[in-house]
Amino acid sequence: MQMAASQLVMAAAVALLASLLGGAAGGVMIGGKDLGKELAATMGAFFGPIGGFVGTLVGLLGLVLWARVRS
């Protein structure tokens, strides 16, 4: 079973949203006391997708390539 392009776009959008929210929450937990909660959340939301979203895109690319090899 292959993923449609719309499913890939939806998965990427959900991954971006999750990494933004996770980065903001992590930023507040780690640096909220020292930097202030707003700045820590902004920085977390900015830097969170660097790892999370890119990792998800690499995983989706791997799934697409694996599906093409199998078919």
N, C-alpha and C. Protein backbone atom coordinates (compact mmCIF):
# COMPACT_ATOMS: atom_id res chain seq x y z
N MET A 1 0.84 -1.17 0.00
CA MET A 1 0.00 0.00 0.00
C MET A 1 0.89 1.24 0.00
N GLN A 2 0.65 2.14 -0.90
CA GLN A 2 1.46 3.34 -1.02
C GLN A 2 0.72 4.53 -0.41
N MET A 3 1.49 5.47 0.07
CA MET A 3 0.91 6.69 0.63
C MET A 3 0.65 7.68 -0.50
N ALA A 4 -0.49 8.32 -0.45
CA ALA A 4 -0.80 9.36 -1.42
C ALA A 4 -0.04 10.64 -1.03
N ALA A 5 0.08 11.53 -1.98
CA ALA A 5 0.78 12.79 -1.72
C ALA A 5 0.08 13.59 -0.63
N SER A 6 -1.24 13.55 -0.60
CA SER A 6 -1.97 14.28 0.44
C SER A 6 -1.68 13.71 1.83
N GLN A 7 -1.48 12.40 1.92
CA GLN A 7 -1.14 11.79 3.20
C GLN A 7 0.25 12.21 3.66
N LEU A 8 1.18 12.31 2.72
CA LEU A 8 2.53 12.76 3.07
C LEU A 8 2.52 14.21 3.55
N VAL A 9 1.74 15.06 2.88
CA VAL A 9 1.65 16.46 3.28
C VAL A 9 1.00 16.57 4.65
N MET A 10 -0.04 15.78 4.90
CA MET A 10 -0.71 15.80 6.20
C MET A 10 0.23 15.31 7.30
N ALA A 11 0.99 14.27 7.03
CA ALA A 11 1.95 13.76 8.02
C ALA A 11 3.02 14.80 8.31
N ALA A 12 3.49 15.49 7.29
CA ALA A 12 4.50 16.54 7.50
C ALA A 12 3.92 17.71 8.29
N ALA A 13 2.66 18.08 8.03
CA ALA A 13 2.04 19.18 8.76
C ALA A 13 1.85 18.82 10.24
N VAL A 14 1.42 17.59 10.50
CA VAL A 14 1.25 17.15 11.89
C VAL A 14 2.61 17.10 12.59
N ALA A 15 3.64 16.65 11.89
CA ALA A 15 4.98 16.60 12.48
C ALA A 15 5.49 18.01 12.80
N LEU A 16 5.23 18.96 11.92
CA LEU A 16 5.65 20.33 12.17
C LEU A 16 4.94 20.90 13.39
N LEU A 17 3.64 20.69 13.47
CA LEU A 17 2.87 21.19 14.61
C LEU A 17 3.34 20.55 15.91
N ALA A 18 3.56 19.24 15.89
CA ALA A 18 4.01 18.54 17.09
C ALA A 18 5.39 19.01 17.52
N SER A 19 6.28 19.25 16.58
CA SER A 19 7.62 19.70 16.95
C SER A 19 7.60 21.14 17.45
N LEU A 20 6.71 21.98 16.92
CA LEU A 20 6.56 23.34 17.43
C LEU A 20 6.06 23.33 18.87
N LEU A 21 5.01 22.55 19.11
CA LEU A 21 4.44 22.49 20.46
C LEU A 21 5.40 21.83 21.44
N GLY A 22 6.06 20.77 21.01
CA GLY A 22 7.02 20.10 21.87
C GLY A 22 8.22 20.98 22.18
N GLY A 23 8.69 21.71 21.19
CA GLY A 23 9.81 22.62 21.41
C GLY A 23 9.44 23.75 22.37
N ALA A 24 8.24 24.29 22.21
CA ALA A 24 7.80 25.36 23.12
C ALA A 24 7.66 24.85 24.54
N ALA A 25 7.06 23.68 24.69
CA ALA A 25 6.90 23.10 26.04
C ALA A 25 8.25 22.78 26.66
N GLY A 26 9.14 22.21 25.88
CA GLY A 26 10.48 21.91 26.38
C GLY A 26 11.26 23.16 26.73
N GLY A 27 11.11 24.20 25.93
CA GLY A 27 11.79 25.46 26.22
C GLY A 27 11.32 26.08 27.52
N VAL A 28 10.01 26.02 27.77
CA VAL A 28 9.47 26.56 29.01
C VAL A 28 9.94 25.73 30.20
N MET A 29 9.96 24.42 30.05
CA MET A 29 10.39 23.56 31.15
C MET A 29 11.87 23.76 31.48
N ILE A 30 12.68 23.91 30.46
CA ILE A 30 14.12 24.01 30.69
C ILE A 30 14.56 25.43 31.04
N GLY A 31 14.12 26.41 30.28
CA GLY A 31 14.64 27.75 30.47
C GLY A 31 13.64 28.78 30.94
N GLY A 32 12.44 28.34 31.32
CA GLY A 32 11.41 29.30 31.72
C GLY A 32 11.77 30.14 32.91
N LYS A 33 12.47 29.56 33.86
CA LYS A 33 12.81 30.30 35.08
C LYS A 33 13.90 31.34 34.80
N ASP A 34 14.86 31.00 33.98
CA ASP A 34 15.99 31.90 33.73
C ASP A 34 15.70 32.95 32.66
N LEU A 35 15.03 32.56 31.60
CA LEU A 35 14.81 33.46 30.47
C LEU A 35 13.45 34.15 30.48
N GLY A 36 12.53 33.63 31.25
CA GLY A 36 11.14 34.07 31.15
C GLY A 36 10.39 33.11 30.26
N LYS A 37 9.16 32.85 30.60
CA LYS A 37 8.41 31.80 29.90
C LYS A 37 8.15 32.14 28.43
N GLU A 38 7.89 33.41 28.13
CA GLU A 38 7.58 33.77 26.75
C GLU A 38 8.79 33.60 25.83
N LEU A 39 9.94 34.08 26.29
CA LEU A 39 11.15 33.95 25.48
C LEU A 39 11.57 32.50 25.34
N ALA A 40 11.46 31.75 26.43
CA ALA A 40 11.83 30.33 26.37
C ALA A 40 10.91 29.56 25.43
N ALA A 41 9.62 29.88 25.45
CA ALA A 41 8.67 29.21 24.56
C ALA A 41 8.94 29.59 23.10
N THR A 42 9.25 30.85 22.86
CA THR A 42 9.55 31.29 21.49
C THR A 42 10.80 30.61 20.96
N MET A 43 11.83 30.57 21.78
CA MET A 43 13.07 29.93 21.35
C MET A 43 12.87 28.43 21.15
N GLY A 44 12.12 27.80 22.05
CA GLY A 44 11.84 26.37 21.90
C GLY A 44 11.04 26.07 20.64
N ALA A 45 10.05 26.91 20.35
CA ALA A 45 9.25 26.70 19.14
C ALA A 45 10.08 26.95 17.88
N PHE A 46 11.09 27.81 17.98
CA PHE A 46 11.96 28.07 16.84
C PHE A 46 12.94 26.92 16.62
N PHE A 47 13.55 26.44 17.69
CA PHE A 47 14.58 25.42 17.56
C PHE A 47 14.03 23.99 17.61
N GLY A 48 12.82 23.79 18.08
CA GLY A 48 12.25 22.44 18.16
C GLY A 48 12.13 21.74 16.81
N PRO A 49 11.62 22.42 15.78
CA PRO A 49 11.47 21.76 14.48
C PRO A 49 12.78 21.42 13.79
N ILE A 50 13.89 21.99 14.24
CA ILE A 50 15.16 21.69 13.58
C ILE A 50 15.44 20.20 13.63
N GLY A 51 15.23 19.58 14.77
CA GLY A 51 15.47 18.14 14.88
C GLY A 51 14.24 17.31 14.58
N GLY A 52 13.11 17.70 15.15
CA GLY A 52 11.91 16.89 15.02
C GLY A 52 11.34 16.83 13.61
N PHE A 53 11.21 17.97 12.97
CA PHE A 53 10.60 18.01 11.65
C PHE A 53 11.52 17.40 10.60
N VAL A 54 12.80 17.70 10.69
CA VAL A 54 13.75 17.13 9.72
C VAL A 54 13.81 15.61 9.88
N GLY A 55 13.80 15.14 11.11
CA GLY A 55 13.80 13.69 11.34
C GLY A 55 12.57 13.02 10.78
N THR A 56 11.43 13.69 10.91
CA THR A 56 10.19 13.14 10.35
C THR A 56 10.25 13.10 8.83
N LEU A 57 10.77 14.15 8.22
CA LEU A 57 10.89 14.16 6.76
C LEU A 57 11.82 13.06 6.26
N VAL A 58 12.91 12.83 6.98
CA VAL A 58 13.83 11.74 6.60
C VAL A 58 13.12 10.40 6.74
N GLY A 59 12.34 10.24 7.81
CA GLY A 59 11.58 8.99 7.99
C GLY A 59 10.54 8.78 6.90
N LEU A 60 9.82 9.84 6.52
CA LEU A 60 8.84 9.72 5.44
C LEU A 60 9.52 9.40 4.11
N LEU A 61 10.66 10.02 3.86
CA LEU A 61 11.40 9.71 2.64
C LEU A 61 11.83 8.25 2.62
N GLY A 62 12.28 7.76 3.76
CA GLY A 62 12.65 6.35 3.86
C GLY A 62 11.48 5.42 3.60
N LEU A 63 10.31 5.77 4.11
CA LEU A 63 9.11 4.96 3.86
C LEU A 63 8.73 4.96 2.38
N VAL A 64 8.83 6.12 1.74
CA VAL A 64 8.51 6.20 0.31
C VAL A 64 9.48 5.35 -0.50
N LEU A 65 10.76 5.46 -0.20
CA LEU A 65 11.75 4.67 -0.94
C LEU A 65 11.56 3.18 -0.69
N TRP A 66 11.27 2.82 0.55
CA TRP A 66 11.05 1.41 0.87
C TRP A 66 9.82 0.86 0.14
N ALA A 67 8.76 1.67 0.05
CA ALA A 67 7.56 1.24 -0.66
C ALA A 67 7.84 1.06 -2.15
N ARG A 68 8.67 1.93 -2.73
CA ARG A 68 8.99 1.79 -4.15
C ARG A 68 9.85 0.57 -4.43
N VAL A 69 10.75 0.26 -3.52
CA VAL A 69 11.60 -0.92 -3.70
C VAL A 69 10.77 -2.19 -3.62
N ARG A 70 9.81 -2.20 -2.71
CA ARG A 70 8.98 -3.39 -2.50
C ARG A 70 7.99 -3.63 -3.62
N SER A 71 7.61 -2.58 -4.36
CA SER A 71 6.60 -2.78 -5.41
C SER A 71 7.21 -2.99 -6.78
